[in-house]
Amino acid sequence: MTIKEVSEQYGITQDTLRYYERVGMIPRVTRSSSGHRDYQPEDLGWVELAKCLRNAGLTVEAIVAYVKLSLEGEDTVPDRLELLRQQREDLLDQRRQIEEALARLDRKIDMYAAKVC
């Protein structure tokens, strides 16, 4: 697949895909004989993973670290597991904070709604 096709399929700009590759969020993408990116299924898997991890709130640095560990092989599974567990905890904490903020907003909305009616 061309970078344009991948961009359209995943809703990521071409510049973002190039950035992901440049900083190491995805390994170097397969190239055609002319040197153009020619995304193969394995490359697409890395794009999907980067997008997933980014949506989960991982920093660019954490994703780069994860990719490096993945490329080093099975010996790094415990480190990758710890990285993902820590991110999960961070997300749960963020969710708790959001739920508290929503509850406070709901109380304020209810208070103001009672005054308007």
PDB file of N, CA and C in Angstrom:
ATOM      1  N   MET A   1       0.840  -1.182   0.000  1.00  0.00           N
ATOM      2  CA  MET A   1       0.000   0.000   0.000  1.00  0.00           C
ATOM      3  C   MET A   1       0.884   1.244   0.000  1.00  0.00           C
ATOM      4  N   THR A   2       0.412   2.251  -0.639  1.00  0.00           N
ATOM      5  CA  THR A   2       1.146   3.518  -0.644  1.00  0.00           C
ATOM      6  C   THR A   2       0.870   4.264   0.651  1.00  0.00           C
ATOM      7  N   ILE A   3       1.688   5.271   0.925  1.00  0.00           N
ATOM      8  CA  ILE A   3       1.485   6.065   2.123  1.00  0.00           C
ATOM      9  C   ILE A   3       0.139   6.778   2.069  1.00  0.00           C
ATOM     10  N   LYS A   4      -0.287   7.164   0.870  1.00  0.00           N
ATOM     11  CA  LYS A   4      -1.591   7.818   0.708  1.00  0.00           C
ATOM     12  C   LYS A   4      -2.716   6.862   1.092  1.00  0.00           C
ATOM     13  N   GLU A   5      -2.632   5.632   0.643  1.00  0.00           N
ATOM     14  CA  GLU A   5      -3.659   4.640   0.958  1.00  0.00           C
ATOM     15  C   GLU A   5      -3.705   4.349   2.455  1.00  0.00           C
ATOM     16  N   VAL A   6      -2.536   4.239   3.064  1.00  0.00           N
ATOM     17  CA  VAL A   6      -2.471   3.978   4.505  1.00  0.00           C
ATOM     18  C   VAL A   6      -3.044   5.166   5.270  1.00  0.00           C
ATOM     19  N   SER A   7      -2.703   6.352   4.836  1.00  0.00           N
ATOM     20  CA  SER A   7      -3.216   7.571   5.448  1.00  0.00           C
ATOM     21  C   SER A   7      -4.737   7.590   5.429  1.00  0.00           C
ATOM     22  N   GLU A   8      -5.307   7.268   4.299  1.00  0.00           N
ATOM     23  CA  GLU A   8      -6.765   7.266   4.156  1.00  0.00           C
ATOM     24  C   GLU A   8      -7.404   6.148   4.970  1.00  0.00           C
ATOM     25  N   GLN A   9      -6.785   4.976   4.966  1.00  0.00           N
ATOM     26  CA  GLN A   9      -7.355   3.823   5.670  1.00  0.00           C
ATOM     27  C   GLN A   9      -7.376   4.039   7.180  1.00  0.00           C
ATOM     28  N   TYR A  10      -6.319   4.648   7.730  1.00  0.00           N
ATOM     29  CA  TYR A  10      -6.199   4.771   9.178  1.00  0.00           C
ATOM     30  C   TYR A  10      -6.533   6.161   9.711  1.00  0.00           C
ATOM     31  N   GLY A  11      -6.847   7.096   8.815  1.00  0.00           N
ATOM     32  CA  GLY A  11      -7.190   8.432   9.266  1.00  0.00           C
ATOM     33  C   GLY A  11      -6.023   9.150   9.922  1.00  0.00           C
ATOM     34  N   ILE A  12      -4.839   8.916   9.382  1.00  0.00           N
ATOM     35  CA  ILE A  12      -3.604   9.548   9.872  1.00  0.00           C
ATOM     36  C   ILE A  12      -2.987  10.281   8.690  1.00  0.00           C
ATOM     37  N   THR A  13      -2.513  11.482   8.911  1.00  0.00           N
ATOM     38  CA  THR A  13      -1.916  12.206   7.786  1.00  0.00           C
ATOM     39  C   THR A  13      -0.632  11.527   7.332  1.00  0.00           C
ATOM     40  N   GLN A  14      -0.271  11.791   6.091  1.00  0.00           N
ATOM     41  CA  GLN A  14       0.979  11.251   5.562  1.00  0.00           C
ATOM     42  C   GLN A  14       2.168  11.787   6.355  1.00  0.00           C
ATOM     43  N   ASP A  15       2.107  13.048   6.735  1.00  0.00           N
ATOM     44  CA  ASP A  15       3.192  13.625   7.542  1.00  0.00           C
ATOM     45  C   ASP A  15       3.323  12.905   8.878  1.00  0.00           C
ATOM     46  N   THR A  16       2.182  12.556   9.476  1.00  0.00           N
ATOM     47  CA  THR A  16       2.215  11.837  10.756  1.00  0.00           C
ATOM     48  C   THR A  16       2.836  10.463  10.578  1.00  0.00           C
ATOM     49  N   LEU A  17       2.479   9.776   9.493  1.00  0.00           N
ATOM     50  CA  LEU A  17       3.081   8.459   9.232  1.00  0.00           C
ATOM     51  C   LEU A  17       4.597   8.576   9.059  1.00  0.00           C
ATOM     52  N   ARG A  18       5.036   9.600   8.343  1.00  0.00           N
ATOM     53  CA  ARG A  18       6.479   9.798   8.169  1.00  0.00           C
ATOM     54  C   ARG A  18       7.142  10.091   9.515  1.00  0.00           C
ATOM     55  N   TYR A  19       6.471  10.890  10.327  1.00  0.00           N
ATOM     56  CA  TYR A  19       6.985  11.223  11.663  1.00  0.00           C
ATOM     57  C   TYR A  19       7.094   9.956  12.517  1.00  0.00           C
ATOM     58  N   TYR A  20       6.051   9.135  12.518  1.00  0.00           N
ATOM     59  CA  TYR A  20       6.078   7.895  13.291  1.00  0.00           C
ATOM     60  C   TYR A  20       7.297   7.054  12.924  1.00  0.00           C
ATOM     61  N   GLU A  21       7.587   6.993  11.645  1.00  0.00           N
ATOM     62  CA  GLU A  21       8.742   6.207  11.190  1.00  0.00           C
ATOM     63  C   GLU A  21      10.046   6.883  11.580  1.00  0.00           C
ATOM     64  N   ARG A  22      10.110   8.196  11.393  1.00  0.00           N
ATOM     65  CA  ARG A  22      11.353   8.936  11.672  1.00  0.00           C
ATOM     66  C   ARG A  22      11.765   8.840  13.141  1.00  0.00           C
ATOM     67  N   VAL A  23      10.793   8.942  14.058  1.00  0.00           N
ATOM     68  CA  VAL A  23      11.147   8.935  15.479  1.00  0.00           C
ATOM     69  C   VAL A  23      11.225   7.541  16.077  1.00  0.00           C
ATOM     70  N   GLY A  24      10.768   6.537  15.327  1.00  0.00           N
ATOM     71  CA  GLY A  24      10.858   5.162  15.813  1.00  0.00           C
ATOM     72  C   GLY A  24       9.584   4.622  16.437  1.00  0.00           C
ATOM     73  N   MET A  25       8.459   5.298  16.223  1.00  0.00           N
ATOM     74  CA  MET A  25       7.196   4.771  16.722  1.00  0.00           C
ATOM     75  C   MET A  25       6.741   3.564  15.905  1.00  0.00           C
ATOM     76  N   ILE A  26       7.228   3.471  14.687  1.00  0.00           N
ATOM     77  CA  ILE A  26       7.079   2.276  13.869  1.00  0.00           C
ATOM     78  C   ILE A  26       8.454   2.009  13.252  1.00  0.00           C
ATOM     79  N   PRO A  27       8.780   0.740  13.054  1.00  0.00           N
ATOM     80  CA  PRO A  27      10.063   0.445  12.400  1.00  0.00           C
ATOM     81  C   PRO A  27      10.059   0.953  10.959  1.00  0.00           C
ATOM     82  N   ARG A  28      11.227   0.996  10.379  1.00  0.00           N
ATOM     83  CA  ARG A  28      11.352   1.438   8.981  1.00  0.00           C
ATOM     84  C   ARG A  28      10.413   0.628   8.105  1.00  0.00           C
ATOM     85  N   VAL A  29       9.625   1.348   7.310  1.00  0.00           N
ATOM     86  CA  VAL A  29       8.624   0.739   6.443  1.00  0.00           C
ATOM     87  C   VAL A  29       9.307   0.140   5.220  1.00  0.00           C
ATOM     88  N   THR A  30       8.745  -0.965   4.729  1.00  0.00           N
ATOM     89  CA  THR A  30       9.238  -1.609   3.511  1.00  0.00           C
ATOM     90  C   THR A  30       9.229  -0.588   2.373  1.00  0.00           C
ATOM     91  N   ARG A  31      10.253  -0.640   1.535  1.00  0.00           N
ATOM     92  CA  ARG A  31      10.363   0.289   0.395  1.00  0.00           C
ATOM     93  C   ARG A  31      10.300  -0.488  -0.913  1.00  0.00           C
ATOM     94  N   SER A  32       9.760   0.189  -1.913  1.00  0.00           N
ATOM     95  CA  SER A  32       9.751  -0.384  -3.256  1.00  0.00           C
ATOM     96  C   SER A  32      11.140  -0.226  -3.861  1.00  0.00           C
ATOM     97  N   SER A  33      11.338  -0.788  -5.039  1.00  0.00           N
ATOM     98  CA  SER A  33      12.645  -0.677  -5.696  1.00  0.00           C
ATOM     99  C   SER A  33      12.990   0.774  -6.010  1.00  0.00           C
ATOM    100  N   SER A  34      11.966   1.623  -6.131  1.00  0.00           N
ATOM    101  CA  SER A  34      12.208   3.044  -6.404  1.00  0.00           C
ATOM    102  C   SER A  34      12.431   3.844  -5.120  1.00  0.00           C
ATOM    103  N   GLY A  35      12.314   3.175  -3.965  1.00  0.00           N
ATOM    104  CA  GLY A  35      12.555   3.851  -2.692  1.00  0.00           C
ATOM    105  C   GLY A  35      11.320   4.400  -2.015  1.00  0.00           C
ATOM    106  N   HIS A  36      10.159   4.260  -2.656  1.00  0.00           N
ATOM    107  CA  HIS A  36       8.915   4.745  -2.049  1.00  0.00           C
ATOM    108  C   HIS A  36       8.416   3.756  -0.997  1.00  0.00           C
ATOM    109  N   ARG A  37       7.737   4.276   0.009  1.00  0.00           N
ATOM    110  CA  ARG A  37       7.166   3.403   1.025  1.00  0.00           C
ATOM    111  C   ARG A  37       6.134   2.481   0.371  1.00  0.00           C
ATOM    112  N   ASP A  38       6.218   1.205   0.717  1.00  0.00           N
ATOM    113  CA  ASP A  38       5.308   0.194   0.189  1.00  0.00           C
ATOM    114  C   ASP A  38       4.860  -0.653   1.390  1.00  0.00           C
ATOM    115  N   TYR A  39       3.846  -0.140   2.098  1.00  0.00           N
ATOM    116  CA  TYR A  39       3.412  -0.760   3.342  1.00  0.00           C
ATOM    117  C   TYR A  39       2.925  -2.185   3.106  1.00  0.00           C
ATOM    118  N   GLN A  40       3.521  -3.112   3.846  1.00  0.00           N
ATOM    119  CA  GLN A  40       3.151  -4.515   3.819  1.00  0.00           C
ATOM    120  C   GLN A  40       2.311  -4.809   5.069  1.00  0.00           C
ATOM    121  N   PRO A  41       1.673  -5.977   5.142  1.00  0.00           N
ATOM    122  CA  PRO A  41       0.849  -6.291   6.320  1.00  0.00           C
ATOM    123  C   PRO A  41       1.580  -6.089   7.654  1.00  0.00           C
ATOM    124  N   GLU A  42       2.840  -6.471   7.719  1.00  0.00           N
ATOM    125  CA  GLU A  42       3.602  -6.281   8.968  1.00  0.00           C
ATOM    126  C   GLU A  42       3.744  -4.793   9.293  1.00  0.00           C
ATOM    127  N   ASP A  43       3.990  -3.971   8.279  1.00  0.00           N
ATOM    128  CA  ASP A  43       4.096  -2.527   8.479  1.00  0.00           C
ATOM    129  C   ASP A  43       2.768  -1.965   8.993  1.00  0.00           C
ATOM    130  N   LEU A  44       1.672  -2.455   8.410  1.00  0.00           N
ATOM    131  CA  LEU A  44       0.352  -1.993   8.823  1.00  0.00           C
ATOM    132  C   LEU A  44       0.066  -2.369  10.271  1.00  0.00           C
ATOM    133  N   GLY A  45       0.553  -3.516  10.678  1.00  0.00           N
ATOM    134  CA  GLY A  45       0.405  -3.926  12.080  1.00  0.00           C
ATOM    135  C   GLY A  45       1.081  -2.945  13.024  1.00  0.00           C
ATOM    136  N   TRP A  46       2.246  -2.462  12.635  1.00  0.00           N
ATOM    137  CA  TRP A  46       2.947  -1.471  13.458  1.00  0.00           C
ATOM    138  C   TRP A  46       2.194  -0.149  13.483  1.00  0.00           C
ATOM    139  N   VAL A  47       1.624   0.233  12.344  1.00  0.00           N
ATOM    140  CA  VAL A  47       0.832   1.474  12.293  1.00  0.00           C
ATOM    141  C   VAL A  47      -0.372   1.349  13.223  1.00  0.00           C
ATOM    142  N   GLU A  48      -1.065   0.211  13.146  1.00  0.00           N
ATOM    143  CA  GLU A  48      -2.217  -0.013  14.010  1.00  0.00           C
ATOM    144  C   GLU A  48      -1.824   0.030  15.477  1.00  0.00           C
ATOM    145  N   LEU A  49      -0.694  -0.581  15.810  1.00  0.00           N
ATOM    146  CA  LEU A  49      -0.224  -0.584  17.191  1.00  0.00           C
ATOM    147  C   LEU A  49       0.114   0.827  17.657  1.00  0.00           C
ATOM    148  N   ALA A  50       0.810   1.582  16.833  1.00  0.00           N
ATOM    149  CA  ALA A  50       1.169   2.952  17.201  1.00  0.00           C
ATOM    150  C   ALA A  50      -0.078   3.790  17.425  1.00  0.00           C
ATOM    151  N   LYS A  51      -1.042   3.628  16.553  1.00  0.00           N
ATOM    152  CA  LYS A  51      -2.294   4.376  16.688  1.00  0.00           C
ATOM    153  C   LYS A  51      -3.024   3.968  17.976  1.00  0.00           C
ATOM    154  N   CYS A  52      -3.083   2.693  18.244  1.00  0.00           N
ATOM    155  CA  CYS A  52      -3.729   2.178  19.450  1.00  0.00           C
ATOM    156  C   CYS A  52      -3.039   2.707  20.707  1.00  0.00           C
ATOM    157  N   LEU A  53      -1.719   2.603  20.742  1.00  0.00           N
ATOM    158  CA  LEU A  53      -0.977   3.051  21.915  1.00  0.00           C
ATOM    159  C   LEU A  53      -1.096   4.554  22.105  1.00  0.00           C
ATOM    160  N   ARG A  54      -1.089   5.279  21.009  1.00  0.00           N
ATOM    161  CA  ARG A  54      -1.238   6.739  21.084  1.00  0.00           C
ATOM    162  C   ARG A  54      -2.624   7.088  21.622  1.00  0.00           C
ATOM    163  N   ASN A  55      -3.658   6.390  21.124  1.00  0.00           N
ATOM    164  CA  ASN A  55      -5.016   6.619  21.608  1.00  0.00           C
ATOM    165  C   ASN A  55      -5.168   6.243  23.080  1.00  0.00           C
ATOM    166  N   ALA A  56      -4.335   5.309  23.537  1.00  0.00           N
ATOM    167  CA  ALA A  56      -4.360   4.897  24.942  1.00  0.00           C
ATOM    168  C   ALA A  56      -3.599   5.880  25.829  1.00  0.00           C
ATOM    169  N   GLY A  57      -3.014   6.904  25.215  1.00  0.00           N
ATOM    170  CA  GLY A  57      -2.361   7.935  25.999  1.00  0.00           C
ATOM    171  C   GLY A  57      -0.868   7.776  26.184  1.00  0.00           C
ATOM    172  N   LEU A  58      -0.266   6.762  25.556  1.00  0.00           N
ATOM    173  CA  LEU A  58       1.179   6.622  25.691  1.00  0.00           C
ATOM    174  C   LEU A  58       1.879   7.794  25.024  1.00  0.00           C
ATOM    175  N   THR A  59       2.943   8.237  25.632  1.00  0.00           N
ATOM    176  CA  THR A  59       3.746   9.302  25.046  1.00  0.00           C
ATOM    177  C   THR A  59       4.521   8.743  23.859  1.00  0.00           C
ATOM    178  N   VAL A  60       4.996   9.629  23.031  1.00  0.00           N
ATOM    179  CA  VAL A  60       5.832   9.222  21.903  1.00  0.00           C
ATOM    180  C   VAL A  60       7.039   8.451  22.427  1.00  0.00           C
ATOM    181  N   GLU A  61       7.637   8.961  23.491  1.00  0.00           N
ATOM    182  CA  GLU A  61       8.828   8.305  24.058  1.00  0.00           C
ATOM    183  C   GLU A  61       8.514   6.886  24.527  1.00  0.00           C
ATOM    184  N   ALA A  62       7.354   6.697  25.153  1.00  0.00           N
ATOM    185  CA  ALA A  62       6.976   5.369  25.628  1.00  0.00           C
ATOM    186  C   ALA A  62       6.734   4.415  24.462  1.00  0.00           C
ATOM    187  N   ILE A  63       6.129   4.915  23.406  1.00  0.00           N
ATOM    188  CA  ILE A  63       5.888   4.065  22.228  1.00  0.00           C
ATOM    189  C   ILE A  63       7.201   3.684  21.572  1.00  0.00           C
ATOM    190  N   VAL A  64       8.109   4.634  21.462  1.00  0.00           N
ATOM    191  CA  VAL A  64       9.425   4.347  20.887  1.00  0.00           C
ATOM    192  C   VAL A  64      10.130   3.277  21.726  1.00  0.00           C
ATOM    193  N   ALA A  65      10.054   3.417  23.042  1.00  0.00           N
ATOM    194  CA  ALA A  65      10.671   2.425  23.930  1.00  0.00           C
ATOM    195  C   ALA A  65      10.030   1.055  23.725  1.00  0.00           C
ATOM    196  N   TYR A  66       8.723   1.025  23.611  1.00  0.00           N
ATOM    197  CA  TYR A  66       8.011  -0.231  23.396  1.00  0.00           C
ATOM    198  C   TYR A  66       8.439  -0.896  22.088  1.00  0.00           C
ATOM    199  N   VAL A  67       8.511  -0.100  21.027  1.00  0.00           N
ATOM    200  CA  VAL A  67       8.920  -0.636  19.722  1.00  0.00           C
ATOM    201  C   VAL A  67      10.342  -1.191  19.796  1.00  0.00           C
ATOM    202  N   LYS A  68      11.244  -0.427  20.418  1.00  0.00           N
ATOM    203  CA  LYS A  68      12.629  -0.913  20.550  1.00  0.00           C
ATOM    204  C   LYS A  68      12.671  -2.234  21.298  1.00  0.00           C
ATOM    205  N   LEU A  69      11.919  -2.319  22.391  1.00  0.00           N
ATOM    206  CA  LEU A  69      11.878  -3.569  23.146  1.00  0.00           C
ATOM    207  C   LEU A  69      11.322  -4.699  22.289  1.00  0.00           C
ATOM    208  N   SER A  70      10.269  -4.423  21.532  1.00  0.00           N
ATOM    209  CA  SER A  70       9.665  -5.447  20.681  1.00  0.00           C
ATOM    210  C   SER A  70      10.655  -5.980  19.652  1.00  0.00           C
ATOM    211  N   LEU A  71      11.425  -5.064  19.090  1.00  0.00           N
ATOM    212  CA  LEU A  71      12.391  -5.467  18.066  1.00  0.00           C
ATOM    213  C   LEU A  71      13.569  -6.258  18.656  1.00  0.00           C
ATOM    214  N   GLU A  72      13.775  -6.126  19.955  1.00  0.00           N
ATOM    215  CA  GLU A  72      14.854  -6.875  20.606  1.00  0.00           C
ATOM    216  C   GLU A  72      14.488  -8.329  20.849  1.00  0.00           C
ATOM    217  N   GLY A  73      13.202  -8.656  20.792  1.00  0.00           N
ATOM    218  CA  GLY A  73      12.804 -10.049  20.896  1.00  0.00           C
ATOM    219  C   GLY A  73      12.065 -10.410  22.166  1.00  0.00           C
ATOM    220  N   GLU A  74      11.847 -11.700  22.311  1.00  0.00           N
ATOM    221  CA  GLU A  74      11.027 -12.252  23.387  1.00  0.00           C
ATOM    222  C   GLU A  74      11.580 -12.000  24.789  1.00  0.00           C
ATOM    223  N   ASP A  75      12.871 -11.797  24.903  1.00  0.00           N
ATOM    224  CA  ASP A  75      13.451 -11.551  26.223  1.00  0.00           C
ATOM    225  C   ASP A  75      12.926 -10.271  26.864  1.00  0.00           C
ATOM    226  N   THR A  76      12.342  -9.397  26.065  1.00  0.00           N
ATOM    227  CA  THR A  76      11.867  -8.103  26.580  1.00  0.00           C
ATOM    228  C   THR A  76      10.379  -8.116  26.924  1.00  0.00           C
ATOM    229  N   VAL A  77       9.735  -9.267  26.841  1.00  0.00           N
ATOM    230  CA  VAL A  77       8.306  -9.342  27.144  1.00  0.00           C
ATOM    231  C   VAL A  77       7.990  -8.809  28.546  1.00  0.00           C
ATOM    232  N   PRO A  78       8.761  -9.160  29.589  1.00  0.00           N
ATOM    233  CA  PRO A  78       8.446  -8.609  30.913  1.00  0.00           C
ATOM    234  C   PRO A  78       8.506  -7.076  30.959  1.00  0.00           C
ATOM    235  N   ASP A  79       9.453  -6.494  30.257  1.00  0.00           N
ATOM    236  CA  ASP A  79       9.554  -5.034  30.227  1.00  0.00           C
ATOM    237  C   ASP A  79       8.378  -4.413  29.489  1.00  0.00           C
ATOM    238  N   ARG A  80       7.969  -5.030  28.390  1.00  0.00           N
ATOM    239  CA  ARG A  80       6.815  -4.526  27.642  1.00  0.00           C
ATOM    240  C   ARG A  80       5.543  -4.652  28.465  1.00  0.00           C
ATOM    241  N   LEU A  81       5.416  -5.774  29.156  1.00  0.00           N
ATOM    242  CA  LEU A  81       4.258  -5.987  30.017  1.00  0.00           C
ATOM    243  C   LEU A  81       4.187  -4.907  31.091  1.00  0.00           C
ATOM    244  N   GLU A  82       5.299  -4.600  31.710  1.00  0.00           N
ATOM    245  CA  GLU A  82       5.324  -3.570  32.748  1.00  0.00           C
ATOM    246  C   GLU A  82       4.973  -2.201  32.176  1.00  0.00           C
ATOM    247  N   LEU A  83       5.481  -1.889  31.009  1.00  0.00           N
ATOM    248  CA  LEU A  83       5.167  -0.613  30.373  1.00  0.00           C
ATOM    249  C   LEU A  83       3.659  -0.498  30.139  1.00  0.00           C
ATOM    250  N   LEU A  84       3.033  -1.556  29.631  1.00  0.00           N
ATOM    251  CA  LEU A  84       1.598  -1.532  29.361  1.00  0.00           C
ATOM    252  C   LEU A  84       0.777  -1.507  30.646  1.00  0.00           C
ATOM    253  N   ARG A  85       1.214  -2.242  31.651  1.00  0.00           N
ATOM    254  CA  ARG A  85       0.504  -2.216  32.940  1.00  0.00           C
ATOM    255  C   ARG A  85       0.541  -0.821  33.563  1.00  0.00           C
ATOM    256  N   GLN A  86       1.685  -0.171  33.481  1.00  0.00           N
ATOM    257  CA  GLN A  86       1.802   1.176  34.036  1.00  0.00           C
ATOM    258  C   GLN A  86       0.893   2.140  33.294  1.00  0.00           C
ATOM    259  N   GLN A  87       0.837   2.015  31.984  1.00  0.00           N
ATOM    260  CA  GLN A  87      -0.039   2.890  31.208  1.00  0.00           C
ATOM    261  C   GLN A  87      -1.495   2.638  31.558  1.00  0.00           C
ATOM    262  N   ARG A  88      -1.845   1.392  31.788  1.00  0.00           N
ATOM    263  CA  ARG A  88      -3.215   1.069  32.176  1.00  0.00           C
ATOM    264  C   ARG A  88      -3.559   1.741  33.494  1.00  0.00           C
ATOM    265  N   GLU A  89      -2.651   1.679  34.438  1.00  0.00           N
ATOM    266  CA  GLU A  89      -2.873   2.347  35.729  1.00  0.00           C
ATOM    267  C   GLU A  89      -3.041   3.853  35.545  1.00  0.00           C
ATOM    268  N   ASP A  90      -2.213   4.440  34.690  1.00  0.00           N
ATOM    269  CA  ASP A  90      -2.316   5.879  34.421  1.00  0.00           C
ATOM    270  C   ASP A  90      -3.685   6.220  33.823  1.00  0.00           C
ATOM    271  N   LEU A  91      -4.158   5.376  32.900  1.00  0.00           N
ATOM    272  CA  LEU A  91      -5.463   5.615  32.289  1.00  0.00           C
ATOM    273  C   LEU A  91      -6.594   5.475  33.300  1.00  0.00           C
ATOM    274  N   LEU A  92      -6.492   4.489  34.182  1.00  0.00           N
ATOM    275  CA  LEU A  92      -7.511   4.330  35.217  1.00  0.00           C
ATOM    276  C   LEU A  92      -7.547   5.548  36.131  1.00  0.00           C
ATOM    277  N   ASP A  93      -6.375   6.088  36.449  1.00  0.00           N
ATOM    278  CA  ASP A  93      -6.308   7.296  37.266  1.00  0.00           C
ATOM    279  C   ASP A  93      -6.954   8.476  36.537  1.00  0.00           C
ATOM    280  N   GLN A  94      -6.667   8.609  35.262  1.00  0.00           N
ATOM    281  CA  GLN A  94      -7.281   9.673  34.472  1.00  0.00           C
ATOM    282  C   GLN A  94      -8.803   9.516  34.434  1.00  0.00           C
ATOM    283  N   ARG A  95      -9.255   8.269  34.304  1.00  0.00           N
ATOM    284  CA  ARG A  95     -10.697   8.022  34.270  1.00  0.00           C
ATOM    285  C   ARG A  95     -11.336   8.425  35.597  1.00  0.00           C
ATOM    286  N   ARG A  96     -10.679   8.108  36.705  1.00  0.00           N
ATOM    287  CA  ARG A  96     -11.208   8.503  38.011  1.00  0.00           C
ATOM    288  C   ARG A  96     -11.320  10.026  38.110  1.00  0.00           C
ATOM    289  N   GLN A  97     -10.293  10.707  37.625  1.00  0.00           N
ATOM    290  CA  GLN A  97     -10.315  12.169  37.659  1.00  0.00           C
ATOM    291  C   GLN A  97     -11.447  12.728  36.791  1.00  0.00           C
ATOM    292  N   ILE A  98     -11.651  12.143  35.630  1.00  0.00           N
ATOM    293  CA  ILE A  98     -12.719  12.590  34.740  1.00  0.00           C
ATOM    294  C   ILE A  98     -14.085  12.320  35.374  1.00  0.00           C
ATOM    295  N   GLU A  99     -14.248  11.152  35.979  1.00  0.00           N
ATOM    296  CA  GLU A  99     -15.522  10.824  36.621  1.00  0.00           C
ATOM    297  C   GLU A  99     -15.822  11.795  37.760  1.00  0.00           C
ATOM    298  N   GLU A 100     -14.814  12.168  38.539  1.00  0.00           N
ATOM    299  CA  GLU A 100     -15.000  13.148  39.609  1.00  0.00           C
ATOM    300  C   GLU A 100     -15.401  14.504  39.039  1.00  0.00           C
ATOM    301  N   ALA A 101     -14.750  14.916  37.968  1.00  0.00           N
ATOM    302  CA  ALA A 101     -15.074  16.199  37.345  1.00  0.00           C
ATOM    303  C   ALA A 101     -16.489  16.177  36.780  1.00  0.00           C
ATOM    304  N   LEU A 102     -16.878  15.076  36.146  1.00  0.00           N
ATOM    305  CA  LEU A 102     -18.237  14.963  35.615  1.00  0.00           C
ATOM    306  C   LEU A 102     -19.278  15.013  36.730  1.00  0.00           C
ATOM    307  N   ALA A 103     -19.011  14.340  37.833  1.00  0.00           N
ATOM    308  CA  ALA A 103     -19.947  14.355  38.956  1.00  0.00           C
ATOM    309  C   ALA A 103     -20.116  15.776  39.492  1.00  0.00           C
ATOM    310  N   ARG A 104     -19.023  16.495  39.605  1.00  0.00           N
ATOM    311  CA  ARG A 104     -19.098  17.881  40.084  1.00  0.00           C
ATOM    312  C   ARG A 104     -19.888  18.746  39.098  1.00  0.00           C
ATOM    313  N   LEU A 105     -19.601  18.593  37.805  1.00  0.00           N
ATOM    314  CA  LEU A 105     -20.343  19.345  36.795  1.00  0.00           C
ATOM    315  C   LEU A 105     -21.836  19.009  36.836  1.00  0.00           C
ATOM    316  N   ASP A 106     -22.151  17.726  36.999  1.00  0.00           N
ATOM    317  CA  ASP A 106     -23.559  17.322  37.066  1.00  0.00           C
ATOM    318  C   ASP A 106     -24.261  17.989  38.250  1.00  0.00           C
ATOM    319  N   ARG A 107     -23.589  18.059  39.391  1.00  0.00           N
ATOM    320  CA  ARG A 107     -24.175  18.723  40.551  1.00  0.00           C
ATOM    321  C   ARG A 107     -24.434  20.197  40.263  1.00  0.00           C
ATOM    322  N   LYS A 108     -23.479  20.859  39.627  1.00  0.00           N
ATOM    323  CA  LYS A 108     -23.646  22.271  39.282  1.00  0.00           C
ATOM    324  C   LYS A 108     -24.786  22.456  38.279  1.00  0.00           C
ATOM    325  N   ILE A 109     -24.826  21.606  37.273  1.00  0.00           N
ATOM    326  CA  ILE A 109     -25.886  21.690  36.268  1.00  0.00           C
ATOM    327  C   ILE A 109     -27.244  21.512  36.934  1.00  0.00           C
ATOM    328  N   ASP A 110     -27.352  20.510  37.806  1.00  0.00           N
ATOM    329  CA  ASP A 110     -28.620  20.271  38.504  1.00  0.00           C
ATOM    330  C   ASP A 110     -29.011  21.475  39.355  1.00  0.00           C
ATOM    331  N   MET A 111     -28.021  22.074  40.028  1.00  0.00           N
ATOM    332  CA  MET A 111     -28.287  23.230  40.861  1.00  0.00           C
ATOM    333  C   MET A 111     -28.811  24.398  40.021  1.00  0.00           C
ATOM    334  N   TYR A 112     -28.152  24.682  38.897  1.00  0.00           N
ATOM    335  CA  TYR A 112     -28.579  25.780  38.042  1.00  0.00           C
ATOM    336  C   TYR A 112     -29.906  25.471  37.351  1.00  0.00           C
ATOM    337  N   ALA A 113     -30.102  24.236  36.960  1.00  0.00           N
ATOM    338  CA  ALA A 113     -31.357  23.852  36.307  1.00  0.00           C
ATOM    339  C   ALA A 113     -32.533  24.031  37.263  1.00  0.00           C
ATOM    340  N   ALA A 114     -32.328  23.737  38.543  1.00  0.00           N
ATOM    341  CA  ALA A 114     -33.391  23.906  39.532  1.00  0.00           C
ATOM    342  C   ALA A 114     -33.754  25.377  39.703  1.00  0.00           C
ATOM    343  N   LYS A 115     -32.778  26.263  39.571  1.00  0.00           N
ATOM    344  CA  LYS A 115     -33.035  27.701  39.713  1.00  0.00           C
ATOM    345  C   LYS A 115     -33.754  28.273  38.504  1.00  0.00           C
ATOM    346  N   VAL A 116     -33.506  27.699  37.325  1.00  0.00           N
ATOM    347  CA  VAL A 116     -34.098  28.202  36.084  1.00  0.00           C
ATOM    348  C   VAL A 116     -35.568  27.790  36.002  1.00  0.00           C
ATOM    349  N   CYS A 117     -35.877  26.615  36.478  1.00  0.00           N
ATOM    350  CA  CYS A 117     -37.259  26.093  36.354  1.00  0.00           C
ATOM    351  C   CYS A 117     -38.181  26.723  37.322  1.00  0.00           C
TER     352      CYS A 117
END
